[in-house]
Amino acid sequence: MKNPQAFPTHPDAPLSCDGMTLRDYFAAKAMQATVTAWIQQSIYPSTDFEVAQNAYAVADAMLKEREA
């Protein structure tokens, strides 16, 4: 599965930084949407790990779909 940088910079940029990957970016967006939906429905996960696990599962699915 390809996991490029979320915000690539030009190779000649003076202050180049790798930053977050696309997987991390997708997971952050998925977590934001999922937690918002859970709060609206009064559903609360039992652990922070459950939140992260869900977010990265969505991110992995999004990356897989990009390759299709």
Protein backbone atom coordinates (compact mmCIF):
# COMPACT_ATOMS: atom_id res chain seq x y z
CA MET A 1 0.00 0.00 0.00
CA LYS A 2 1.41 3.35 -1.00
CA ASN A 3 1.58 5.93 1.79
CA PRO A 4 2.99 9.17 0.36
CA GLN A 5 3.48 12.41 2.22
CA ALA A 6 0.23 14.32 2.78
CA PHE A 7 1.76 17.68 1.96
CA PRO A 8 4.76 17.13 -0.30
CA THR A 9 7.20 19.96 -0.80
CA HIS A 10 9.31 20.84 -3.77
CA PRO A 11 12.72 19.14 -3.55
CA ASP A 12 14.46 22.51 -3.88
CA ALA A 13 12.51 24.09 -1.00
CA PRO A 14 14.94 25.62 1.52
CA LEU A 15 13.26 24.15 4.61
CA SER A 16 12.00 20.79 3.48
CA CYS A 17 10.26 18.62 6.07
CA ASP A 18 8.62 15.25 5.58
CA GLY A 19 5.65 15.98 7.85
CA MET A 20 2.69 13.62 8.15
CA THR A 21 1.89 10.82 5.78
CA LEU A 22 -1.30 10.56 3.80
CA ARG A 23 -2.36 7.67 6.07
CA ASP A 24 -1.98 9.90 9.13
CA TYR A 25 -3.92 12.69 7.43
CA PHE A 26 -6.76 10.35 6.45
CA ALA A 27 -6.83 8.89 9.97
CA ALA A 28 -7.04 12.36 11.54
CA LYS A 29 -9.96 13.32 9.28
CA ALA A 30 -11.71 9.98 9.89
CA MET A 31 -11.24 10.31 13.65
CA GLN A 32 -12.69 13.81 13.64
CA ALA A 33 -15.78 12.71 11.73
CA THR A 34 -16.27 9.49 13.70
CA VAL A 35 -15.91 11.10 17.12
CA THR A 36 -18.34 13.85 16.11
CA ALA A 37 -20.88 11.24 14.98
CA TRP A 38 -20.41 9.22 18.17
CA ILE A 39 -20.95 12.30 20.34
CA GLN A 40 -24.10 13.23 18.43
CA GLN A 41 -25.42 9.70 19.02
CA SER A 42 -24.20 9.53 22.65
CA ILE A 43 -21.92 6.61 21.77
CA TYR A 44 -18.58 6.66 23.53
CA PRO A 45 -15.73 4.23 22.84
CA SER A 46 -14.30 2.39 25.82
CA THR A 47 -10.67 3.35 25.11
CA ASP A 48 -8.59 5.82 23.14
CA PHE A 49 -7.08 2.79 21.42
CA GLU A 50 -10.52 1.97 20.00
CA VAL A 51 -10.75 5.49 18.55
CA ALA A 52 -7.31 5.24 16.96
CA GLN A 53 -7.91 1.71 15.69
CA ASN A 54 -11.13 2.80 14.00
CA ALA A 55 -9.50 5.87 12.45
CA TYR A 56 -6.59 3.92 10.98
CA ALA A 57 -8.92 1.21 9.67
CA VAL A 58 -10.77 3.89 7.71
CA ALA A 59 -7.46 5.43 6.55
CA ASP A 60 -6.18 2.05 5.35
CA ALA A 61 -9.42 1.47 3.43
CA MET A 62 -9.06 4.90 1.80
CA LEU A 63 -5.47 4.21 0.75
CA LYS A 64 -6.45 0.81 -0.64
CA GLU A 65 -9.27 2.38 -2.63
CA ARG A 66 -6.87 4.96 -4.10
CA GLU A 67 -4.85 2.11 -5.62
CA ALA A 68 -7.92 0.49 -7.21
